[in-house]
Amino acid sequence: DLIRALELHLSLNTFDDHLPLFCYISPSAIRCLTRHRFMSRCNSVWSASGIPNTTGHSFRIGGTTEMLLSGVPPDVVKALGRWSSDAFLRYWRKLELLGPRHVENL
């Protein structure tokens, strides 16, 4: 349950509001979860289960698709992904579901 996991994280790791959401307490300091650390952990778990490693690009594709399926306007998705061009349109998956939801905004 993702909500429960986030609630547990927030209850165990309370920090100043100016710090990123995914900071954590290590034995030596407060650390921020970086893309590299996140992907290293994911890949170690996946490798132990016989699943091939990934670069994490699938998270970008999946996140884009999920936001669009949730009704987030494409221009907002573009801004959140920090795209300066319409390159993010290549990541659209499930076009048969996304098209009808966003065609009205054209």
C-alpha atoms as a PDB file:
ATOM      1  CA  ASP A   1       0.000   0.000   0.000  1.00  0.00           C
ATOM      2  CA  LEU A   2       1.753   3.114  -1.268  1.00  0.00           C
ATOM      3  CA  ILE A   3      -0.183   5.527   0.935  1.00  0.00           C
ATOM      4  CA  ARG A   4       0.727   3.576   4.065  1.00  0.00           C
ATOM      5  CA  ALA A   5       4.389   3.475   2.980  1.00  0.00           C
ATOM      6  CA  LEU A   6       4.427   7.259   2.517  1.00  0.00           C
ATOM      7  CA  GLU A   7       2.722   7.787   5.882  1.00  0.00           C
ATOM      8  CA  LEU A   8       5.307   5.541   7.536  1.00  0.00           C
ATOM      9  CA  HIS A   9       8.157   7.410   5.832  1.00  0.00           C
ATOM     10  CA  LEU A  10       6.784  10.751   7.016  1.00  0.00           C
ATOM     11  CA  SER A  11       6.281   9.497  10.563  1.00  0.00           C
ATOM     12  CA  LEU A  12       9.864   8.195  10.783  1.00  0.00           C
ATOM     13  CA  ASN A  13      11.559  11.034   8.934  1.00  0.00           C
ATOM     14  CA  THR A  14      10.414  14.494   9.930  1.00  0.00           C
ATOM     15  CA  PHE A  15      12.414  17.362   8.464  1.00  0.00           C
ATOM     16  CA  ASP A  16      12.192  21.071   7.816  1.00  0.00           C
ATOM     17  CA  ASP A  17       9.724  22.087   5.123  1.00  0.00           C
ATOM     18  CA  HIS A  18      12.515  23.321   2.831  1.00  0.00           C
ATOM     19  CA  LEU A  19      13.936  19.806   2.374  1.00  0.00           C
ATOM     20  CA  PRO A  20      12.749  17.447  -0.386  1.00  0.00           C
ATOM     21  CA  LEU A  21       9.999  14.943   0.405  1.00  0.00           C
ATOM     22  CA  PHE A  22      12.225  11.901   0.068  1.00  0.00           C
ATOM     23  CA  CYS A  23      14.955  12.683   2.560  1.00  0.00           C
ATOM     24  CA  TYR A  24      15.916  10.098   5.136  1.00  0.00           C
ATOM     25  CA  ILE A  25      18.109   9.754   8.186  1.00  0.00           C
ATOM     26  CA  SER A  26      21.307   7.772   7.675  1.00  0.00           C
ATOM     27  CA  PRO A  27      23.731   6.920  10.484  1.00  0.00           C
ATOM     28  CA  SER A  28      25.874   9.936   9.587  1.00  0.00           C
ATOM     29  CA  ALA A  29      23.515  12.599   8.211  1.00  0.00           C
ATOM     30  CA  ILE A  30      20.249  13.552   6.591  1.00  0.00           C
ATOM     31  CA  ARG A  31      20.349  12.368   2.994  1.00  0.00           C
ATOM     32  CA  CYS A  32      18.137  13.021  -0.001  1.00  0.00           C
ATOM     33  CA  LEU A  33      17.057  10.122  -2.147  1.00  0.00           C
ATOM     34  CA  THR A  34      18.721  10.624  -5.502  1.00  0.00           C
ATOM     35  CA  ARG A  35      17.832   9.023  -8.802  1.00  0.00           C
ATOM     36  CA  HIS A  36      21.068   7.012  -8.612  1.00  0.00           C
ATOM     37  CA  ARG A  37      20.329   5.671  -5.102  1.00  0.00           C
ATOM     38  CA  PHE A  38      16.719   4.922  -5.999  1.00  0.00           C
ATOM     39  CA  MET A  39      17.648   3.034  -9.162  1.00  0.00           C
ATOM     40  CA  SER A  40      20.476   1.171  -7.406  1.00  0.00           C
ATOM     41  CA  ARG A  41      18.048  -0.043  -4.756  1.00  0.00           C
ATOM     42  CA  CYS A  42      15.373  -0.976  -7.306  1.00  0.00           C
ATOM     43  CA  ASN A  43      17.901  -2.871  -9.419  1.00  0.00           C
ATOM     44  CA  SER A  44      19.296  -4.764  -6.431  1.00  0.00           C
ATOM     45  CA  VAL A  45      15.775  -5.882  -5.464  1.00  0.00           C
ATOM     46  CA  TRP A  46      14.920  -6.785  -9.049  1.00  0.00           C
ATOM     47  CA  SER A  47      18.205  -8.647  -9.594  1.00  0.00           C
ATOM     48  CA  ALA A  48      17.577 -10.741  -6.498  1.00  0.00           C
ATOM     49  CA  SER A  49      14.248 -11.710  -8.050  1.00  0.00           C
ATOM     50  CA  GLY A  50      15.710 -12.498 -11.465  1.00  0.00           C
ATOM     51  CA  ILE A  51      14.336  -9.344 -13.100  1.00  0.00           C
ATOM     52  CA  PRO A  52      16.705  -7.489 -15.448  1.00  0.00           C
ATOM     53  CA  ASN A  53      18.118  -4.099 -14.446  1.00  0.00           C
ATOM     54  CA  THR A  54      16.630  -0.928 -15.885  1.00  0.00           C
ATOM     55  CA  THR A  55      17.813   2.637 -16.349  1.00  0.00           C
ATOM     56  CA  GLY A  56      14.630   4.102 -14.945  1.00  0.00           C
ATOM     57  CA  HIS A  57      13.388   5.566 -18.202  1.00  0.00           C
ATOM     58  CA  SER A  58      10.264   3.423 -17.861  1.00  0.00           C
ATOM     59  CA  PHE A  59       9.321   5.458 -14.764  1.00  0.00           C
ATOM     60  CA  ARG A  60       9.293   8.595 -16.913  1.00  0.00           C
ATOM     61  CA  ILE A  61       7.102   6.918 -19.519  1.00  0.00           C
ATOM     62  CA  GLY A  62       4.804   5.416 -16.888  1.00  0.00           C
ATOM     63  CA  GLY A  63       4.543   8.666 -14.944  1.00  0.00           C
ATOM     64  CA  THR A  64       3.648  10.599 -18.076  1.00  0.00           C
ATOM     65  CA  THR A  65       0.989   8.070 -19.026  1.00  0.00           C
ATOM     66  CA  GLU A  66      -0.448   7.917 -15.505  1.00  0.00           C
ATOM     67  CA  MET A  67      -0.747  11.703 -15.222  1.00  0.00           C
ATOM     68  CA  LEU A  68      -2.461  11.923 -18.602  1.00  0.00           C
ATOM     69  CA  LEU A  69      -4.841   9.068 -17.702  1.00  0.00           C
ATOM     70  CA  SER A  70      -5.645  10.903 -14.469  1.00  0.00           C
ATOM     71  CA  GLY A  71      -6.778  13.914 -16.474  1.00  0.00           C
ATOM     72  CA  VAL A  72      -3.748  16.158 -15.981  1.00  0.00           C
ATOM     73  CA  PRO A  73      -3.660  18.515 -18.994  1.00  0.00           C
ATOM     74  CA  PRO A  74      -0.807  17.794 -21.442  1.00  0.00           C
ATOM     75  CA  ASP A  75       0.696  21.277 -20.980  1.00  0.00           C
ATOM     76  CA  VAL A  76       0.956  20.643 -17.224  1.00  0.00           C
ATOM     77  CA  VAL A  77       2.563  17.234 -17.831  1.00  0.00           C
ATOM     78  CA  LYS A  78       5.013  18.960 -20.171  1.00  0.00           C
ATOM     79  CA  ALA A  79       5.917  21.526 -17.506  1.00  0.00           C
ATOM     80  CA  LEU A  80       6.238  18.931 -14.727  1.00  0.00           C
ATOM     81  CA  GLY A  81       8.536  16.850 -16.917  1.00  0.00           C
ATOM     82  CA  ARG A  82      10.613  19.934 -17.705  1.00  0.00           C
ATOM     83  CA  TRP A  83      10.255  19.392 -21.452  1.00  0.00           C
ATOM     84  CA  SER A  84      11.007  22.436 -23.583  1.00  0.00           C
ATOM     85  CA  SER A  85       9.623  20.758 -26.710  1.00  0.00           C
ATOM     86  CA  ASP A  86       6.763  18.405 -27.461  1.00  0.00           C
ATOM     87  CA  ALA A  87       9.124  15.414 -27.196  1.00  0.00           C
ATOM     88  CA  PHE A  88       7.071  14.075 -24.286  1.00  0.00           C
ATOM     89  CA  LEU A  89       4.345  13.199 -26.796  1.00  0.00           C
ATOM     90  CA  ARG A  90       6.497  10.213 -27.814  1.00  0.00           C
ATOM     91  CA  TYR A  91       5.915   8.764 -24.339  1.00  0.00           C
ATOM     92  CA  TRP A  92       2.143   8.639 -24.605  1.00  0.00           C
ATOM     93  CA  ARG A  93       0.955   5.097 -24.078  1.00  0.00           C
ATOM     94  CA  LYS A  94      -2.625   3.812 -24.174  1.00  0.00           C
ATOM     95  CA  LEU A  95      -3.459   6.421 -26.788  1.00  0.00           C
ATOM     96  CA  GLU A  96      -6.913   4.901 -27.252  1.00  0.00           C
ATOM     97  CA  LEU A  97      -7.682   5.944 -23.653  1.00  0.00           C
ATOM     98  CA  LEU A  98      -5.791   9.240 -23.623  1.00  0.00           C
ATOM     99  CA  GLY A  99      -7.083  10.678 -26.891  1.00  0.00           C
ATOM    100  CA  PRO A 100     -10.742  11.018 -25.907  1.00  0.00           C
ATOM    101  CA  ARG A 101      -9.802  12.534 -22.507  1.00  0.00           C
ATOM    102  CA  HIS A 102      -7.700  15.310 -23.996  1.00  0.00           C
ATOM    103  CA  VAL A 103      -9.165  15.969 -27.454  1.00  0.00           C
ATOM    104  CA  GLU A 104     -11.666  18.377 -25.934  1.00  0.00           C
ATOM    105  CA  ASN A 105      -8.776  20.638 -24.871  1.00  0.00           C
ATOM    106  CA  LEU A 106      -7.539  21.149 -28.432  1.00  0.00           C
END
